[in-house]
Amino acid sequence: YARAADALGVDILQHTPVTGINCSEGKIKSVQTNHGEIFA
């Protein structure tokens, strides 16, 4: 699955734990990781 997803352009980030989930007005905003904030 990782190989097939990568071939379709999916970024696979290992050793990237999520340390926080940021929400605003009841809606998802971003996730906090050891690489910083990633918006989604």
PDB file of all heavy atoms in Angstrom:
ATOM      1  N   TYR A   1       0.829  -1.209   0.000  1.00  0.00           N
ATOM      2  CA  TYR A   1       0.000   0.000   0.000  1.00  0.00           C
ATOM      3  C   TYR A   1       0.861   1.256   0.000  1.00  0.00           C
ATOM      4  O   TYR A   1       0.543   2.251  -0.675  1.00  0.00           O
ATOM      5  CB  TYR A   1      -0.940   0.002   1.212  1.00  0.00           C
ATOM      6  CG  TYR A   1      -2.264  -0.678   0.957  1.00  0.00           C
ATOM      7  CD1 TYR A   1      -2.682  -1.746   1.747  1.00  0.00           C
ATOM      8  CD2 TYR A   1      -3.106  -0.250  -0.065  1.00  0.00           C
ATOM      9  CE1 TYR A   1      -3.905  -2.373   1.514  1.00  0.00           C
ATOM     10  CE2 TYR A   1      -4.327  -0.862  -0.305  1.00  0.00           C
ATOM     11  CZ  TYR A   1      -4.726  -1.924   0.493  1.00  0.00           C
ATOM     12  OH  TYR A   1      -5.935  -2.534   0.252  1.00  0.00           O
ATOM     13  N   ALA A   2       1.968   1.245   0.762  1.00  0.00           N
ATOM     14  CA  ALA A   2       2.852   2.413   0.806  1.00  0.00           C
ATOM     15  C   ALA A   2       3.449   2.694  -0.572  1.00  0.00           C
ATOM     16  O   ALA A   2       3.479   3.846  -1.034  1.00  0.00           O
ATOM     17  CB  ALA A   2       3.963   2.184   1.831  1.00  0.00           C
ATOM     18  N   ARG A   3       3.891   1.646  -1.235  1.00  0.00           N
ATOM     19  CA  ARG A   3       4.499   1.792  -2.564  1.00  0.00           C
ATOM     20  C   ARG A   3       3.489   2.327  -3.573  1.00  0.00           C
ATOM     21  O   ARG A   3       3.784   3.249  -4.345  1.00  0.00           O
ATOM     22  CB  ARG A   3       5.039   0.433  -3.008  1.00  0.00           C
ATOM     23  CG  ARG A   3       5.602   0.377  -4.416  1.00  0.00           C
ATOM     24  CD  ARG A   3       6.210  -0.997  -4.663  1.00  0.00           C
ATOM     25  NE  ARG A   3       6.655  -1.159  -6.044  1.00  0.00           N
ATOM     26  CZ  ARG A   3       5.882  -1.661  -7.006  1.00  0.00           C
ATOM     27  NH1 ARG A   3       4.653  -2.056  -6.740  1.00  0.00           N
ATOM     28  NH2 ARG A   3       6.353  -1.778  -8.245  1.00  0.00           N
ATOM     29  N   ALA A   4       2.277   1.770  -3.552  1.00  0.00           N
ATOM     30  CA  ALA A   4       1.247   2.189  -4.504  1.00  0.00           C
ATOM     31  C   ALA A   4       0.774   3.608  -4.215  1.00  0.00           C
ATOM     32  O   ALA A   4       0.532   4.391  -5.144  1.00  0.00           O
ATOM     33  CB  ALA A   4       0.078   1.210  -4.460  1.00  0.00           C
ATOM     34  N   ALA A   5       0.640   3.963  -2.931  1.00  0.00           N
ATOM     35  CA  ALA A   5       0.223   5.318  -2.574  1.00  0.00           C
ATOM     36  C   ALA A   5       1.291   6.331  -2.964  1.00  0.00           C
ATOM     37  O   ALA A   5       0.987   7.408  -3.495  1.00  0.00           O
ATOM     38  CB  ALA A   5      -0.065   5.394  -1.071  1.00  0.00           C
ATOM     39  N   ASP A   6       2.553   5.994  -2.707  1.00  0.00           N
ATOM     40  CA  ASP A   6       3.663   6.878  -3.071  1.00  0.00           C
ATOM     41  C   ASP A   6       3.684   7.132  -4.578  1.00  0.00           C
ATOM     42  O   ASP A   6       3.926   8.259  -5.025  1.00  0.00           O
ATOM     43  CB  ASP A   6       4.980   6.256  -2.613  1.00  0.00           C
ATOM     44  CG  ASP A   6       6.185   7.078  -3.021  1.00  0.00           C
ATOM     45  OD1 ASP A   6       6.514   8.043  -2.308  1.00  0.00           O
ATOM     46  OD2 ASP A   6       6.798   6.761  -4.070  1.00  0.00           O
ATOM     47  N   ALA A   7       3.389   6.103  -5.358  1.00  0.00           N
ATOM     48  CA  ALA A   7       3.380   6.254  -6.816  1.00  0.00           C
ATOM     49  C   ALA A   7       2.290   7.210  -7.280  1.00  0.00           C
ATOM     50  O   ALA A   7       2.394   7.805  -8.359  1.00  0.00           O
ATOM     51  CB  ALA A   7       3.191   4.887  -7.476  1.00  0.00           C
ATOM     52  N   LEU A   8       1.244   7.378  -6.458  1.00  0.00           N
ATOM     53  CA  LEU A   8       0.157   8.296  -6.790  1.00  0.00           C
ATOM     54  C   LEU A   8       0.379   9.689  -6.214  1.00  0.00           C
ATOM     55  O   LEU A   8      -0.499  10.541  -6.277  1.00  0.00           O
ATOM     56  CB  LEU A   8      -1.170   7.721  -6.280  1.00  0.00           C
ATOM     57  CG  LEU A   8      -1.641   6.430  -6.975  1.00  0.00           C
ATOM     58  CD1 LEU A   8      -2.840   5.839  -6.252  1.00  0.00           C
ATOM     59  CD2 LEU A   8      -1.971   6.703  -8.436  1.00  0.00           C
ATOM     60  N   GLY A   9       1.550   9.915  -5.596  1.00  0.00           N
ATOM     61  CA  GLY A   9       1.909  11.245  -5.112  1.00  0.00           C
ATOM     62  C   GLY A   9       1.717  11.481  -3.633  1.00  0.00           C
ATOM     63  O   GLY A   9       1.902  12.610  -3.150  1.00  0.00           O
ATOM     64  N   VAL A  10       1.355  10.443  -2.869  1.00  0.00           N
ATOM     65  CA  VAL A  10       1.158  10.593  -1.428  1.00  0.00           C
ATOM     66  C   VAL A  10       2.514  10.726  -0.735  1.00  0.00           C
ATOM     67  O   VAL A  10       3.447   9.966  -1.031  1.00  0.00           O
ATOM     68  CB  VAL A  10       0.387   9.382  -0.863  1.00  0.00           C
ATOM     69  CG1 VAL A  10       0.299   9.457   0.658  1.00  0.00           C
ATOM     70  CG2 VAL A  10      -1.001   9.309  -1.485  1.00  0.00           C
ATOM     71  N   ASP A  11       2.638  11.698   0.178  1.00  0.00           N
ATOM     72  CA  ASP A  11       3.865  11.864   0.971  1.00  0.00           C
ATOM     73  C   ASP A  11       3.795  10.973   2.207  1.00  0.00           C
ATOM     74  O   ASP A  11       2.845  11.071   2.995  1.00  0.00           O
ATOM     75  CB  ASP A  11       4.040  13.323   1.412  1.00  0.00           C
ATOM     76  CG  ASP A  11       4.473  14.228   0.273  1.00  0.00           C
ATOM     77  OD1 ASP A  11       4.724  13.713  -0.838  1.00  0.00           O
ATOM     78  OD2 ASP A  11       4.545  15.452   0.482  1.00  0.00           O
ATOM     79  N   ILE A  12       4.777  10.118   2.376  1.00  0.00           N
ATOM     80  CA  ILE A  12       4.827   9.218   3.533  1.00  0.00           C
ATOM     81  C   ILE A  12       5.926   9.710   4.467  1.00  0.00           C
ATOM     82  O   ILE A  12       7.098   9.758   4.090  1.00  0.00           O
ATOM     83  CB  ILE A  12       5.077   7.767   3.081  1.00  0.00           C
ATOM     84  CG1 ILE A  12       3.890   7.289   2.230  1.00  0.00           C
ATOM     85  CG2 ILE A  12       5.282   6.857   4.277  1.00  0.00           C
ATOM     86  CD1 ILE A  12       4.113   5.960   1.563  1.00  0.00           C
ATOM     87  N   LEU A  13       5.525  10.084   5.674  1.00  0.00           N
ATOM     88  CA  LEU A  13       6.449  10.695   6.635  1.00  0.00           C
ATOM     89  C   LEU A  13       6.587   9.790   7.846  1.00  0.00           C
ATOM     90  O   LEU A  13       5.696   9.731   8.706  1.00  0.00           O
ATOM     91  CB  LEU A  13       5.938  12.072   7.056  1.00  0.00           C
ATOM     92  CG  LEU A  13       5.667  13.062   5.902  1.00  0.00           C
ATOM     93  CD1 LEU A  13       4.904  14.268   6.397  1.00  0.00           C
ATOM     94  CD2 LEU A  13       6.973  13.490   5.248  1.00  0.00           C
ATOM     95  N   GLN A  14       7.699   9.064   7.911  1.00  0.00           N
ATOM     96  CA  GLN A  14       7.964   8.208   9.049  1.00  0.00           C
ATOM     97  C   GLN A  14       8.611   9.020  10.174  1.00  0.00           C
ATOM     98  O   GLN A  14       9.157  10.090   9.950  1.00  0.00           O
ATOM     99  CB  GLN A  14       8.875   7.054   8.632  1.00  0.00           C
ATOM    100  CG  GLN A  14       8.275   6.171   7.544  1.00  0.00           C
ATOM    101  CD  GLN A  14       9.159   4.987   7.203  1.00  0.00           C
ATOM    102  OE1 GLN A  14       9.161   3.978   7.904  1.00  0.00           O
ATOM    103  NE2 GLN A  14       9.915   5.102   6.120  1.00  0.00           N
ATOM    104  N   HIS A  15       8.545   8.470  11.399  1.00  0.00           N
ATOM    105  CA  HIS A  15       9.120   9.118  12.581  1.00  0.00           C
ATOM    106  C   HIS A  15       8.613  10.552  12.725  1.00  0.00           C
ATOM    107  O   HIS A  15       9.367  11.492  13.005  1.00  0.00           O
ATOM    108  CB  HIS A  15      10.656   9.087  12.511  1.00  0.00           C
ATOM    109  CG  HIS A  15      11.205   7.705  12.296  1.00  0.00           C
ATOM    110  ND1 HIS A  15      11.129   6.715  13.250  1.00  0.00           N
ATOM    111  CD2 HIS A  15      11.786   7.127  11.202  1.00  0.00           C
ATOM    112  CE1 HIS A  15      11.664   5.600  12.772  1.00  0.00           C
ATOM    113  NE2 HIS A  15      12.061   5.819  11.543  1.00  0.00           N
ATOM    114  N   THR A  16       7.295  10.702  12.511  1.00  0.00           N
ATOM    115  CA  THR A  16       6.651  12.014  12.613  1.00  0.00           C
ATOM    116  C   THR A  16       5.434  11.892  13.523  1.00  0.00           C
ATOM    117  O   THR A  16       4.288  11.810  13.067  1.00  0.00           O
ATOM    118  CB  THR A  16       6.233  12.524  11.210  1.00  0.00           C
ATOM    119  OG1 THR A  16       7.355  12.449  10.325  1.00  0.00           O
ATOM    120  CG2 THR A  16       5.732  13.954  11.272  1.00  0.00           C
ATOM    121  N   PRO A  17       5.649  11.855  14.847  1.00  0.00           N
ATOM    122  CA  PRO A  17       4.507  11.711  15.763  1.00  0.00           C
ATOM    123  C   PRO A  17       3.665  12.984  15.821  1.00  0.00           C
ATOM    124  O   PRO A  17       4.194  14.098  15.737  1.00  0.00           O
ATOM    125  CB  PRO A  17       5.175  11.434  17.111  1.00  0.00           C
ATOM    126  CG  PRO A  17       6.538  12.040  16.997  1.00  0.00           C
ATOM    127  CD  PRO A  17       6.946  11.886  15.556  1.00  0.00           C
ATOM    128  N   VAL A  18       2.360  12.798  15.963  1.00  0.00           N
ATOM    129  CA  VAL A  18       1.454  13.922  16.159  1.00  0.00           C
ATOM    130  C   VAL A  18       1.392  14.215  17.659  1.00  0.00           C
ATOM    131  O   VAL A  18       1.038  13.347  18.460  1.00  0.00           O
ATOM    132  CB  VAL A  18       0.050  13.603  15.604  1.00  0.00           C
ATOM    133  CG1 VAL A  18      -0.950  14.682  16.019  1.00  0.00           C
ATOM    134  CG2 VAL A  18       0.104  13.487  14.089  1.00  0.00           C
ATOM    135  N   THR A  19       1.747  15.430  18.029  1.00  0.00           N
ATOM    136  CA  THR A  19       1.791  15.814  19.453  1.00  0.00           C
ATOM    137  C   THR A  19       0.633  16.720  19.850  1.00  0.00           C
ATOM    138  O   THR A  19       0.453  17.013  21.022  1.00  0.00           O
ATOM    139  CB  THR A  19       3.125  16.516  19.763  1.00  0.00           C
ATOM    140  OG1 THR A  19       3.278  17.642  18.877  1.00  0.00           O
ATOM    141  CG2 THR A  19       4.298  15.569  19.559  1.00  0.00           C
ATOM    142  N   GLY A  20      -0.139  17.157  18.869  1.00  0.00           N
ATOM    143  CA  GLY A  20      -1.280  18.013  19.171  1.00  0.00           C
ATOM    144  C   GLY A  20      -2.178  18.169  17.967  1.00  0.00           C
ATOM    145  O   GLY A  20      -1.739  18.028  16.819  1.00  0.00           O
ATOM    146  N   ILE A  21      -3.471  18.417  18.235  1.00  0.00           N
ATOM    147  CA  ILE A  21      -4.438  18.684  17.168  1.00  0.00           C
ATOM    148  C   ILE A  21      -5.043  20.056  17.433  1.00  0.00           C
ATOM    149  O   ILE A  21      -5.601  20.299  18.508  1.00  0.00           O
ATOM    150  CB  ILE A  21      -5.535  17.599  17.127  1.00  0.00           C
ATOM    151  CG1 ILE A  21      -4.914  16.246  16.741  1.00  0.00           C
ATOM    152  CG2 ILE A  21      -6.637  17.975  16.146  1.00  0.00           C
ATOM    153  CD1 ILE A  21      -5.906  15.091  16.742  1.00  0.00           C
ATOM    154  N   ASN A  22      -4.915  20.944  16.469  1.00  0.00           N
ATOM    155  CA  ASN A  22      -5.374  22.320  16.630  1.00  0.00           C
ATOM    156  C   ASN A  22      -6.719  22.511  15.923  1.00  0.00           C
ATOM    157  O   ASN A  22      -6.850  22.232  14.730  1.00  0.00           O
ATOM    158  CB  ASN A  22      -4.343  23.305  16.054  1.00  0.00           C
ATOM    159  CG  ASN A  22      -2.974  23.131  16.695  1.00  0.00           C
ATOM    160  OD1 ASN A  22      -2.872  22.925  17.906  1.00  0.00           O
ATOM    161  ND2 ASN A  22      -1.917  23.221  15.893  1.00  0.00           N
ATOM    162  N   CYS A  23      -7.699  22.971  16.678  1.00  0.00           N
ATOM    163  CA  CYS A  23      -9.029  23.218  16.134  1.00  0.00           C
ATOM    164  C   CYS A  23      -9.393  24.682  16.326  1.00  0.00           C
ATOM    165  O   CYS A  23      -8.901  25.348  17.243  1.00  0.00           O
ATOM    166  CB  CYS A  23     -10.078  22.334  16.823  1.00  0.00           C
ATOM    167  SG  CYS A  23      -9.692  20.575  16.785  1.00  0.00           S
ATOM    168  N   SER A  24     -10.270  25.175  15.470  1.00  0.00           N
ATOM    169  CA  SER A  24     -10.742  26.556  15.571  1.00  0.00           C
ATOM    170  C   SER A  24     -12.227  26.586  15.243  1.00  0.00           C
ATOM    171  O   SER A  24     -12.643  26.135  14.165  1.00  0.00           O
ATOM    172  CB  SER A  24      -9.969  27.456  14.601  1.00  0.00           C
ATOM    173  OG  SER A  24     -10.454  28.768  14.630  1.00  0.00           O
ATOM    174  N   GLU A  25     -13.031  27.055  16.199  1.00  0.00           N
ATOM    175  CA  GLU A  25     -14.483  27.155  16.033  1.00  0.00           C
ATOM    176  C   GLU A  25     -15.101  25.814  15.646  1.00  0.00           C
ATOM    177  O   GLU A  25     -15.945  25.723  14.743  1.00  0.00           O
ATOM    178  CB  GLU A  25     -14.830  28.232  14.995  1.00  0.00           C
ATOM    179  CG  GLU A  25     -14.346  29.621  15.391  1.00  0.00           C
ATOM    180  CD  GLU A  25     -14.646  30.672  14.333  1.00  0.00           C
ATOM    181  OE1 GLU A  25     -15.062  30.289  13.222  1.00  0.00           O
ATOM    182  OE2 GLU A  25     -14.452  31.867  14.616  1.00  0.00           O
ATOM    183  N   GLY A  26     -14.644  24.757  16.334  1.00  0.00           N
ATOM    184  CA  GLY A  26     -15.211  23.436  16.102  1.00  0.00           C
ATOM    185  C   GLY A  26     -14.808  22.781  14.807  1.00  0.00           C
ATOM    186  O   GLY A  26     -15.436  21.799  14.367  1.00  0.00           O
ATOM    187  N   LYS A  27     -13.732  23.272  14.180  1.00  0.00           N
ATOM    188  CA  LYS A  27     -13.285  22.750  12.891  1.00  0.00           C
ATOM    189  C   LYS A  27     -11.785  22.479  12.947  1.00  0.00           C
ATOM    190  O   LYS A  27     -11.040  23.226  13.576  1.00  0.00           O
ATOM    191  CB  LYS A  27     -13.618  23.765  11.791  1.00  0.00           C
ATOM    192  CG  LYS A  27     -13.297  23.310  10.380  1.00  0.00           C
ATOM    193  CD  LYS A  27     -13.714  24.382   9.372  1.00  0.00           C
ATOM    194  CE  LYS A  27     -13.381  23.959   7.944  1.00  0.00           C
ATOM    195  NZ  LYS A  27     -13.764  24.999   6.960  1.00  0.00           N
ATOM    196  N   ILE A  28     -11.348  21.426  12.280  1.00  0.00           N
ATOM    197  CA  ILE A  28      -9.927  21.075  12.277  1.00  0.00           C
ATOM    198  C   ILE A  28      -9.123  22.156  11.559  1.00  0.00           C
ATOM    199  O   ILE A  28      -9.564  22.718  10.542  1.00  0.00           O
ATOM    200  CB  ILE A  28      -9.693  19.687  11.622  1.00  0.00           C
ATOM    201  CG1 ILE A  28      -8.294  19.161  11.939  1.00  0.00           C
ATOM    202  CG2 ILE A  28      -9.921  19.725  10.120  1.00  0.00           C
ATOM    203  CD1 ILE A  28      -8.108  18.721  13.349  1.00  0.00           C
ATOM    204  N   LYS A  29      -7.972  22.458  12.114  1.00  0.00           N
ATOM    205  CA  LYS A  29      -7.113  23.486  11.526  1.00  0.00           C
ATOM    206  C   LYS A  29      -5.766  22.889  11.109  1.00  0.00           C
ATOM    207  O   LYS A  29      -5.325  23.050   9.975  1.00  0.00           O
ATOM    208  CB  LYS A  29      -6.906  24.619  12.531  1.00  0.00           C
ATOM    209  CG  LYS A  29      -5.982  25.729  12.065  1.00  0.00           C
ATOM    210  CD  LYS A  29      -5.719  26.721  13.213  1.00  0.00           C
ATOM    211  CE  LYS A  29      -4.650  27.727  12.840  1.00  0.00           C
ATOM    212  NZ  LYS A  29      -4.256  28.554  14.007  1.00  0.00           N
ATOM    213  N   SER A  30      -5.116  22.182  12.045  1.00  0.00           N
ATOM    214  CA  SER A  30      -3.783  21.658  11.759  1.00  0.00           C
ATOM    215  C   SER A  30      -3.429  20.591  12.779  1.00  0.00           C
ATOM    216  O   SER A  30      -4.137  20.392  13.767  1.00  0.00           O
ATOM    217  CB  SER A  30      -2.732  22.781  11.787  1.00  0.00           C
ATOM    218  OG  SER A  30      -2.670  23.345  13.099  1.00  0.00           O
ATOM    219  N   VAL A  31      -2.315  19.917  12.522  1.00  0.00           N
ATOM    220  CA  VAL A  31      -1.762  18.986  13.505  1.00  0.00           C
ATOM    221  C   VAL A  31      -0.354  19.449  13.858  1.00  0.00           C
ATOM    222  O   VAL A  31       0.367  20.000  13.021  1.00  0.00           O
ATOM    223  CB  VAL A  31      -1.732  17.528  12.976  1.00  0.00           C
ATOM    224  CG1 VAL A  31      -3.135  16.997  12.784  1.00  0.00           C
ATOM    225  CG2 VAL A  31      -0.917  17.408  11.689  1.00  0.00           C
ATOM    226  N   GLN A  32       0.002  19.255  15.100  1.00  0.00           N
ATOM    227  CA  GLN A  32       1.334  19.625  15.583  1.00  0.00           C
ATOM    228  C   GLN A  32       2.213  18.377  15.577  1.00  0.00           C
ATOM    229  O   GLN A  32       1.809  17.316  16.088  1.00  0.00           O
ATOM    230  CB  GLN A  32       1.233  20.193  16.999  1.00  0.00           C
ATOM    231  CG  GLN A  32       2.403  21.055  17.406  1.00  0.00           C
ATOM    232  CD  GLN A  32       2.412  22.396  16.666  1.00  0.00           C
ATOM    233  OE1 GLN A  32       1.366  22.967  16.419  1.00  0.00           O
ATOM    234  NE2 GLN A  32       3.607  22.875  16.319  1.00  0.00           N
ATOM    235  N   THR A  33       3.394  18.467  14.994  1.00  0.00           N
ATOM    236  CA  THR A  33       4.316  17.325  14.923  1.00  0.00           C
ATOM    237  C   THR A  33       5.708  17.751  15.355  1.00  0.00           C
ATOM    238  O   THR A  33       5.955  18.933  15.630  1.00  0.00           O
ATOM    239  CB  THR A  33       4.393  16.758  13.485  1.00  0.00           C
ATOM    240  OG1 THR A  33       5.149  17.669  12.661  1.00  0.00           O
ATOM    241  CG2 THR A  33       3.006  16.570  12.883  1.00  0.00           C
ATOM    242  N   ASN A  34       6.629  16.798  15.388  1.00  0.00           N
ATOM    243  CA  ASN A  34       8.017  17.137  15.705  1.00  0.00           C
ATOM    244  C   ASN A  34       8.687  17.912  14.576  1.00  0.00           C
ATOM    245  O   ASN A  34       9.801  18.404  14.730  1.00  0.00           O
ATOM    246  CB  ASN A  34       8.809  15.860  16.035  1.00  0.00           C
ATOM    247  CG  ASN A  34       8.802  14.861  14.896  1.00  0.00           C
ATOM    248  OD1 ASN A  34       7.975  14.937  13.989  1.00  0.00           O
ATOM    249  ND2 ASN A  34       9.721  13.910  14.924  1.00  0.00           N
ATOM    250  N   HIS A  35       8.009  18.006  13.414  1.00  0.00           N
ATOM    251  CA  HIS A  35       8.502  18.831  12.305  1.00  0.00           C
ATOM    252  C   HIS A  35       7.789  20.178  12.258  1.00  0.00           C
ATOM    253  O   HIS A  35       7.919  20.910  11.277  1.00  0.00           O
ATOM    254  CB  HIS A  35       8.306  18.103  10.971  1.00  0.00           C
ATOM    255  CG  HIS A  35       9.163  16.885  10.809  1.00  0.00           C
ATOM    256  ND1 HIS A  35      10.536  16.932  10.719  1.00  0.00           N
ATOM    257  CD2 HIS A  35       8.845  15.569  10.747  1.00  0.00           C
ATOM    258  CE1 HIS A  35      11.030  15.709  10.593  1.00  0.00           C
ATOM    259  NE2 HIS A  35      10.012  14.857  10.610  1.00  0.00           N
ATOM    260  N   GLY A  36       7.019  20.476  13.290  1.00  0.00           N
ATOM    261  CA  GLY A  36       6.281  21.731  13.322  1.00  0.00           C
ATOM    262  C   GLY A  36       4.813  21.528  12.980  1.00  0.00           C
ATOM    263  O   GLY A  36       4.314  20.404  12.904  1.00  0.00           O
ATOM    264  N   GLU A  37       4.128  22.630  12.752  1.00  0.00           N
ATOM    265  CA  GLU A  37       2.689  22.591  12.477  1.00  0.00           C
ATOM    266  C   GLU A  37       2.444  22.270  11.002  1.00  0.00           C
ATOM    267  O   GLU A  37       3.069  22.843  10.116  1.00  0.00           O
ATOM    268  CB  GLU A  37       2.059  23.935  12.841  1.00  0.00           C
ATOM    269  CG  GLU A  37       0.540  23.923  12.833  1.00  0.00           C
ATOM    270  CD  GLU A  37      -0.048  25.238  13.341  1.00  0.00           C
ATOM    271  OE1 GLU A  37       0.696  26.242  13.393  1.00  0.00           O
ATOM    272  OE2 GLU A  37      -1.242  25.259  13.688  1.00  0.00           O
ATOM    273  N   ILE A  38       1.526  21.337  10.759  1.00  0.00           N
ATOM    274  CA  ILE A  38       1.139  20.976   9.394  1.00  0.00           C
ATOM    275  C   ILE A  38      -0.353  21.268   9.247  1.00  0.00           C
ATOM    276  O   ILE A  38      -1.180  20.677   9.949  1.00  0.00           O
ATOM    277  CB  ILE A  38       1.434  19.491   9.090  1.00  0.00           C
ATOM    278  CG1 ILE A  38       2.936  19.205   9.216  1.00  0.00           C
ATOM    279  CG2 ILE A  38       0.935  19.122   7.696  1.00  0.00           C
ATOM    280  CD1 ILE A  38       3.306  17.731   9.038  1.00  0.00           C
ATOM    281  N   PHE A  39      -0.700  22.174   8.343  1.00  0.00           N
ATOM    282  CA  PHE A  39      -2.099  22.555   8.143  1.00  0.00           C
ATOM    283  C   PHE A  39      -2.789  21.526   7.245  1.00  0.00           C
ATOM    284  O   PHE A  39      -2.168  20.940   6.351  1.00  0.00           O
ATOM    285  CB  PHE A  39      -2.190  23.950   7.525  1.00  0.00           C
ATOM    286  CG  PHE A  39      -1.721  25.040   8.453  1.00  0.00           C
ATOM    287  CD1 PHE A  39      -0.379  25.411   8.484  1.00  0.00           C
ATOM    288  CD2 PHE A  39      -2.618  25.666   9.307  1.00  0.00           C
ATOM    289  CE1 PHE A  39       0.067  26.405   9.344  1.00  0.00           C
ATOM    290  CE2 PHE A  39      -2.183  26.661  10.170  1.00  0.00           C
ATOM    291  CZ  PHE A  39      -0.842  27.032  10.199  1.00  0.00           C
ATOM    292  N   ALA A  40      -4.070  21.329   7.492  1.00  0.00           N
ATOM    293  CA  ALA A  40      -4.805  20.322   6.727  1.00  0.00           C
ATOM    294  C   ALA A  40      -6.269  20.710   6.617  1.00  0.00           C
ATOM    295  O   ALA A  40      -6.867  21.204   7.586  1.00  0.00           O
ATOM    296  CB  ALA A  40      -4.679  18.958   7.395  1.00  0.00           C
TER     297      ALA A  40
END
